[in-house]
Amino acid sequence: MQFLRFVMLVLGVFAIAMGLLWMGQGTGLVMWPASSFMLADRTWAVNGAVLALVGGIVVWLARKRISR
């Protein structure tokens, strides 16, 4: 079970990082890479926010289960 918790934690952190990147690209704060189709597209900002939220929930659940 400890391995599953570790995997959940890693995936959650990865989802948060990707979500924040998508939000940055979607809002136009992160203009990298220059050829990306996601730049300044609000749809990707919303998708990134949802992904970061899901990642946060996964991390919270993994941490909650680790403390038991």
PDB file of N, CA and C in Angstrom:
ATOM      1  N   MET A   1       0.804  -1.195   0.000  1.00  0.00           N
ATOM      2  CA  MET A   1       0.000   0.000   0.000  1.00  0.00           C
ATOM      3  C   MET A   1       0.850   1.263   0.000  1.00  0.00           C
ATOM      4  N   GLN A   2       2.003   1.195   0.601  1.00  0.00           N
ATOM      5  CA  GLN A   2       2.887   2.354   0.646  1.00  0.00           C
ATOM      6  C   GLN A   2       3.306   2.773  -0.761  1.00  0.00           C
ATOM      7  N   PHE A   3       3.501   1.798  -1.642  1.00  0.00           N
ATOM      8  CA  PHE A   3       3.872   2.105  -3.023  1.00  0.00           C
ATOM      9  C   PHE A   3       2.750   2.847  -3.729  1.00  0.00           C
ATOM     10  N   LEU A   4       1.514   2.434  -3.521  1.00  0.00           N
ATOM     11  CA  LEU A   4       0.364   3.096  -4.140  1.00  0.00           C
ATOM     12  C   LEU A   4       0.242   4.536  -3.653  1.00  0.00           C
ATOM     13  N   ARG A   5       0.468   4.765  -2.395  1.00  0.00           N
ATOM     14  CA  ARG A   5       0.425   6.120  -1.858  1.00  0.00           C
ATOM     15  C   ARG A   5       1.502   6.994  -2.480  1.00  0.00           C
ATOM     16  N   PHE A   6       2.688   6.427  -2.647  1.00  0.00           N
ATOM     17  CA  PHE A   6       3.784   7.163  -3.271  1.00  0.00           C
ATOM     18  C   PHE A   6       3.442   7.505  -4.716  1.00  0.00           C
ATOM     19  N   VAL A   7       2.871   6.560  -5.447  1.00  0.00           N
ATOM     20  CA  VAL A   7       2.477   6.798  -6.837  1.00  0.00           C
ATOM     21  C   VAL A   7       1.408   7.883  -6.896  1.00  0.00           C
ATOM     22  N   MET A   8       0.439   7.831  -5.993  1.00  0.00           N
ATOM     23  CA  MET A   8      -0.600   8.865  -5.948  1.00  0.00           C
ATOM     24  C   MET A   8       0.001  10.242  -5.689  1.00  0.00           C
ATOM     25  N   LEU A   9       0.950  10.301  -4.789  1.00  0.00           N
ATOM     26  CA  LEU A   9       1.596  11.563  -4.464  1.00  0.00           C
ATOM     27  C   LEU A   9       2.358  12.121  -5.664  1.00  0.00           C
ATOM     28  N   VAL A  10       3.114  11.273  -6.328  1.00  0.00           N
ATOM     29  CA  VAL A  10       3.883  11.708  -7.500  1.00  0.00           C
ATOM     30  C   VAL A  10       2.953  12.160  -8.617  1.00  0.00           C
ATOM     31  N   LEU A  11       1.916  11.390  -8.906  1.00  0.00           N
ATOM     32  CA  LEU A  11       0.973  11.764  -9.958  1.00  0.00           C
ATOM     33  C   LEU A  11       0.233  13.053  -9.612  1.00  0.00           C
ATOM     34  N   GLY A  12      -0.109  13.229  -8.359  1.00  0.00           N
ATOM     35  CA  GLY A  12      -0.779  14.450  -7.939  1.00  0.00           C
ATOM     36  C   GLY A  12       0.093  15.682  -8.112  1.00  0.00           C
ATOM     37  N   VAL A  13       1.343  15.576  -7.718  1.00  0.00           N
ATOM     38  CA  VAL A  13       2.280  16.695  -7.877  1.00  0.00           C
ATOM     39  C   VAL A  13       2.502  16.982  -9.362  1.00  0.00           C
ATOM     40  N   PHE A  14       2.625  15.942 -10.173  1.00  0.00           N
ATOM     41  CA  PHE A  14       2.788  16.117 -11.611  1.00  0.00           C
ATOM     42  C   PHE A  14       1.560  16.805 -12.212  1.00  0.00           C
ATOM     43  N   ALA A  15       0.370  16.416 -11.779  1.00  0.00           N
ATOM     44  CA  ALA A  15      -0.859  17.029 -12.283  1.00  0.00           C
ATOM     45  C   ALA A  15      -0.933  18.501 -11.891  1.00  0.00           C
ATOM     46  N   ILE A  16      -0.518  18.830 -10.681  1.00  0.00           N
ATOM     47  CA  ILE A  16      -0.505  20.232 -10.255  1.00  0.00           C
ATOM     48  C   ILE A  16       0.453  21.035 -11.123  1.00  0.00           C
ATOM     49  N   ALA A  17       1.657  20.502 -11.338  1.00  0.00           N
ATOM     50  CA  ALA A  17       2.648  21.207 -12.150  1.00  0.00           C
ATOM     51  C   ALA A  17       2.150  21.417 -13.584  1.00  0.00           C
ATOM     52  N   MET A  18       1.581  20.366 -14.177  1.00  0.00           N
ATOM     53  CA  MET A  18       1.061  20.494 -15.541  1.00  0.00           C
ATOM     54  C   MET A  18      -0.108  21.471 -15.589  1.00  0.00           C
ATOM     55  N   GLY A  19      -0.969  21.407 -14.597  1.00  0.00           N
ATOM     56  CA  GLY A  19      -2.103  22.318 -14.548  1.00  0.00           C
ATOM     57  C   GLY A  19      -1.666  23.770 -14.452  1.00  0.00           C
ATOM     58  N   LEU A  20      -0.663  24.031 -13.637  1.00  0.00           N
ATOM     59  CA  LEU A  20      -0.156  25.396 -13.519  1.00  0.00           C
ATOM     60  C   LEU A  20       0.496  25.861 -14.822  1.00  0.00           C
ATOM     61  N   LEU A  21       1.208  24.967 -15.497  1.00  0.00           N
ATOM     62  CA  LEU A  21       1.797  25.313 -16.794  1.00  0.00           C
ATOM     63  C   LEU A  21       0.701  25.635 -17.807  1.00  0.00           C
ATOM     64  N   TRP A  22      -0.326  24.800 -17.863  1.00  0.00           N
ATOM     65  CA  TRP A  22      -1.432  25.040 -18.788  1.00  0.00           C
ATOM     66  C   TRP A  22      -2.128  26.354 -18.462  1.00  0.00           C
ATOM     67  N   MET A  23      -2.302  26.643 -17.184  1.00  0.00           N
ATOM     68  CA  MET A  23      -2.928  27.904 -16.803  1.00  0.00           C
ATOM     69  C   MET A  23      -2.071  29.085 -17.253  1.00  0.00           C
ATOM     70  N   GLY A  24      -0.775  28.972 -17.050  1.00  0.00           N
ATOM     71  CA  GLY A  24       0.131  30.037 -17.475  1.00  0.00           C
ATOM     72  C   GLY A  24       0.116  30.246 -18.977  1.00  0.00           C
ATOM     73  N   GLN A  25       0.107  29.158 -19.720  1.00  0.00           N
ATOM     74  CA  GLN A  25       0.053  29.267 -21.167  1.00  0.00           C
ATOM     75  C   GLN A  25      -1.305  29.798 -21.624  1.00  0.00           C
ATOM     76  N   GLY A  26      -2.370  29.330 -21.015  1.00  0.00           N
ATOM     77  CA  GLY A  26      -3.706  29.752 -21.411  1.00  0.00           C
ATOM     78  C   GLY A  26      -3.980  31.219 -21.139  1.00  0.00           C
ATOM     79  N   THR A  27      -3.397  31.751 -20.077  1.00  0.00           N
ATOM     80  CA  THR A  27      -3.582  33.162 -19.758  1.00  0.00           C
ATOM     81  C   THR A  27      -2.573  34.059 -20.456  1.00  0.00           C
ATOM     82  N   GLY A  28      -1.568  33.462 -21.069  1.00  0.00           N
ATOM     83  CA  GLY A  28      -0.561  34.246 -21.764  1.00  0.00           C
ATOM     84  C   GLY A  28       0.600  34.673 -20.889  1.00  0.00           C
ATOM     85  N   LEU A  29       0.659  34.184 -19.659  1.00  0.00           N
ATOM     86  CA  LEU A  29       1.775  34.514 -18.775  1.00  0.00           C
ATOM     87  C   LEU A  29       3.032  33.743 -19.143  1.00  0.00           C
ATOM     88  N   VAL A  30       2.853  32.523 -19.617  1.00  0.00           N
ATOM     89  CA  VAL A  30       3.976  31.685 -20.045  1.00  0.00           C
ATOM     90  C   VAL A  30       3.852  31.527 -21.556  1.00  0.00           C
ATOM     91  N   MET A  31       4.745  32.139 -22.279  1.00  0.00           N
ATOM     92  CA  MET A  31       4.696  32.086 -23.741  1.00  0.00           C
ATOM     93  C   MET A  31       5.774  31.135 -24.261  1.00  0.00           C
ATOM     94  N   TRP A  32       5.753  29.920 -23.746  1.00  0.00           N
ATOM     95  CA  TRP A  32       6.732  28.918 -24.118  1.00  0.00           C
ATOM     96  C   TRP A  32       6.031  27.593 -24.296  1.00  0.00           C
ATOM     97  N   PRO A  33       6.347  26.804 -25.253  1.00  0.00           N
ATOM     98  CA  PRO A  33       7.167  27.115 -26.430  1.00  0.00           C
ATOM     99  C   PRO A  33       6.403  28.017 -27.395  1.00  0.00           C
ATOM    100  N   ALA A  34       7.132  28.727 -28.198  1.00  0.00           N
ATOM    101  CA  ALA A  34       6.527  29.733 -29.072  1.00  0.00           C
ATOM    102  C   ALA A  34       5.551  29.123 -30.076  1.00  0.00           C
ATOM    103  N   SER A  35       5.719  27.865 -30.411  1.00  0.00           N
ATOM    104  CA  SER A  35       4.861  27.230 -31.412  1.00  0.00           C
ATOM    105  C   SER A  35       3.649  26.527 -30.788  1.00  0.00           C
ATOM    106  N   SER A  36       3.419  26.693 -29.501  1.00  0.00           N
ATOM    107  CA  SER A  36       2.338  25.991 -28.824  1.00  0.00           C
ATOM    108  C   SER A  36       0.973  26.546 -29.236  1.00  0.00           C
ATOM    109  N   PHE A  37       0.030  25.656 -29.429  1.00  0.00           N
ATOM    110  CA  PHE A  37      -1.334  26.047 -29.777  1.00  0.00           C
ATOM    111  C   PHE A  37      -2.124  26.490 -28.554  1.00  0.00           C
ATOM    112  N   MET A  38      -1.571  26.347 -27.377  1.00  0.00           N
ATOM    113  CA  MET A  38      -2.275  26.644 -26.133  1.00  0.00           C
ATOM    114  C   MET A  38      -2.081  28.093 -25.679  1.00  0.00           C
ATOM    115  N   LEU A  39      -1.200  28.831 -26.313  1.00  0.00           N
ATOM    116  CA  LEU A  39      -0.849  30.168 -25.854  1.00  0.00           C
ATOM    117  C   LEU A  39      -2.028  31.122 -25.982  1.00  0.00           C
ATOM    118  N   ALA A  40      -2.317  31.828 -24.901  1.00  0.00           N
ATOM    119  CA  ALA A  40      -3.367  32.850 -24.833  1.00  0.00           C
ATOM    120  C   ALA A  40      -4.731  32.298 -25.232  1.00  0.00           C
ATOM    121  N   ASP A  41      -5.002  31.052 -24.894  1.00  0.00           N
ATOM    122  CA  ASP A  41      -6.304  30.432 -25.148  1.00  0.00           C
ATOM    123  C   ASP A  41      -6.923  30.113 -23.790  1.00  0.00           C
ATOM    124  N   ARG A  42      -7.969  30.835 -23.431  1.00  0.00           N
ATOM    125  CA  ARG A  42      -8.582  30.707 -22.103  1.00  0.00           C
ATOM    126  C   ARG A  42      -9.089  29.297 -21.815  1.00  0.00           C
ATOM    127  N   THR A  43      -9.401  28.544 -22.849  1.00  0.00           N
ATOM    128  CA  THR A  43      -9.845  27.159 -22.636  1.00  0.00           C
ATOM    129  C   THR A  43      -8.780  26.371 -21.891  1.00  0.00           C
ATOM    130  N   TRP A  44      -7.526  26.591 -22.250  1.00  0.00           N
ATOM    131  CA  TRP A  44      -6.440  25.866 -21.599  1.00  0.00           C
ATOM    132  C   TRP A  44      -6.201  26.374 -20.182  1.00  0.00           C
ATOM    133  N   ALA A  45      -6.530  27.619 -19.917  1.00  0.00           N
ATOM    134  CA  ALA A  45      -6.440  28.124 -18.543  1.00  0.00           C
ATOM    135  C   ALA A  45      -7.451  27.406 -17.655  1.00  0.00           C
ATOM    136  N   VAL A  46      -8.658  27.207 -18.171  1.00  0.00           N
ATOM    137  CA  VAL A  46      -9.694  26.496 -17.411  1.00  0.00           C
ATOM    138  C   VAL A  46      -9.311  25.026 -17.254  1.00  0.00           C
ATOM    139  N   ASN A  47      -8.856  24.398 -18.344  1.00  0.00           N
ATOM    140  CA  ASN A  47      -8.425  22.998 -18.258  1.00  0.00           C
ATOM    141  C   ASN A  47      -7.291  22.839 -17.247  1.00  0.00           C
ATOM    142  N   GLY A  48      -6.361  23.779 -17.229  1.00  0.00           N
ATOM    143  CA  GLY A  48      -5.253  23.733 -16.284  1.00  0.00           C
ATOM    144  C   GLY A  48      -5.709  23.880 -14.848  1.00  0.00           C
ATOM    145  N   ALA A  49      -6.679  24.752 -14.627  1.00  0.00           N
ATOM    146  CA  ALA A  49      -7.205  24.933 -13.271  1.00  0.00           C
ATOM    147  C   ALA A  49      -7.882  23.656 -12.780  1.00  0.00           C
ATOM    148  N   VAL A  50      -8.626  23.015 -13.658  1.00  0.00           N
ATOM    149  CA  VAL A  50      -9.292  21.757 -13.285  1.00  0.00           C
ATOM    150  C   VAL A  50      -8.257  20.677 -12.989  1.00  0.00           C
ATOM    151  N   LEU A  51      -7.233  20.566 -13.844  1.00  0.00           N
ATOM    152  CA  LEU A  51      -6.191  19.558 -13.634  1.00  0.00           C
ATOM    153  C   LEU A  51      -5.434  19.816 -12.332  1.00  0.00           C
ATOM    154  N   ALA A  52      -5.104  21.069 -12.050  1.00  0.00           N
ATOM    155  CA  ALA A  52      -4.398  21.396 -10.805  1.00  0.00           C
ATOM    156  C   ALA A  52      -5.265  21.086  -9.593  1.00  0.00           C
ATOM    157  N   LEU A  53      -6.554  21.351  -9.690  1.00  0.00           N
ATOM    158  CA  LEU A  53      -7.461  21.041  -8.590  1.00  0.00           C
ATOM    159  C   LEU A  53      -7.540  19.535  -8.346  1.00  0.00           C
ATOM    160  N   VAL A  54      -7.663  18.765  -9.418  1.00  0.00           N
ATOM    161  CA  VAL A  54      -7.697  17.301  -9.286  1.00  0.00           C
ATOM    162  C   VAL A  54      -6.380  16.798  -8.690  1.00  0.00           C
ATOM    163  N   GLY A  55      -5.263  17.344  -9.155  1.00  0.00           N
ATOM    164  CA  GLY A  55      -3.967  16.962  -8.593  1.00  0.00           C
ATOM    165  C   GLY A  55      -3.871  17.286  -7.121  1.00  0.00           C
ATOM    166  N   GLY A  56      -4.409  18.440  -6.723  1.00  0.00           N
ATOM    167  CA  GLY A  56      -4.413  18.801  -5.306  1.00  0.00           C
ATOM    168  C   GLY A  56      -5.237  17.844  -4.473  1.00  0.00           C
ATOM    169  N   ILE A  57      -6.361  17.416  -5.004  1.00  0.00           N
ATOM    170  CA  ILE A  57      -7.190  16.445  -4.294  1.00  0.00           C
ATOM    171  C   ILE A  57      -6.465  15.116  -4.157  1.00  0.00           C
ATOM    172  N   VAL A  58      -5.794  14.681  -5.209  1.00  0.00           N
ATOM    173  CA  VAL A  58      -5.047  13.416  -5.161  1.00  0.00           C
ATOM    174  C   VAL A  58      -3.922  13.501  -4.131  1.00  0.00           C
ATOM    175  N   VAL A  59      -3.204  14.619  -4.110  1.00  0.00           N
ATOM    176  CA  VAL A  59      -2.134  14.793  -3.117  1.00  0.00           C
ATOM    177  C   VAL A  59      -2.720  14.796  -1.708  1.00  0.00           C
ATOM    178  N   TRP A  60      -3.834  15.489  -1.526  1.00  0.00           N
ATOM    179  CA  TRP A  60      -4.478  15.544  -0.211  1.00  0.00           C
ATOM    180  C   TRP A  60      -4.889  14.144   0.244  1.00  0.00           C
ATOM    181  N   LEU A  61      -5.478  13.376  -0.670  1.00  0.00           N
ATOM    182  CA  LEU A  61      -5.884  12.007  -0.317  1.00  0.00           C
ATOM    183  C   LEU A  61      -4.670  11.138   0.002  1.00  0.00           C
ATOM    184  N   ALA A  62      -3.599  11.275  -0.765  1.00  0.00           N
ATOM    185  CA  ALA A  62      -2.397  10.476  -0.520  1.00  0.00           C
ATOM    186  C   ALA A  62      -1.789  10.849   0.830  1.00  0.00           C
ATOM    187  N   ARG A  63      -1.727  12.140   1.137  1.00  0.00           N
ATOM    188  CA  ARG A  63      -1.173  12.570   2.409  1.00  0.00           C
ATOM    189  C   ARG A  63      -2.060  12.136   3.577  1.00  0.00           C
ATOM    190  N   LYS A  64      -3.355  12.183   3.377  1.00  0.00           N
ATOM    191  CA  LYS A  64      -4.285  11.777   4.420  1.00  0.00           C
ATOM    192  C   LYS A  64      -4.112  10.299   4.744  1.00  0.00           C
ATOM    193  N   ARG A  65      -3.940   9.497   3.718  1.00  0.00           N
ATOM    194  CA  ARG A  65      -3.776   8.058   3.919  1.00  0.00           C
ATOM    195  C   ARG A  65      -2.398   7.718   4.482  1.00  0.00           C
ATOM    196  N   ILE A  66      -1.383   8.518   4.166  1.00  0.00           N
ATOM    197  CA  ILE A  66      -0.042   8.277   4.691  1.00  0.00           C
ATOM    198  C   ILE A  66      -0.018   8.489   6.199  1.00  0.00           C
ATOM    199  N   SER A  67      -0.765   9.494   6.679  1.00  0.00           N
ATOM    200  CA  SER A  67      -0.715   9.807   8.096  1.00  0.00           C
ATOM    201  C   SER A  67      -1.387   8.761   8.972  1.00  0.00           C
ATOM    202  N   ARG A  68      -2.162   7.881   8.371  1.00  0.00           N
ATOM    203  CA  ARG A  68      -2.844   6.840   9.173  1.00  0.00           C
ATOM    204  C   ARG A  68      -1.906   5.762   9.613  1.00  0.00           C
TER     205      ARG A  68
END
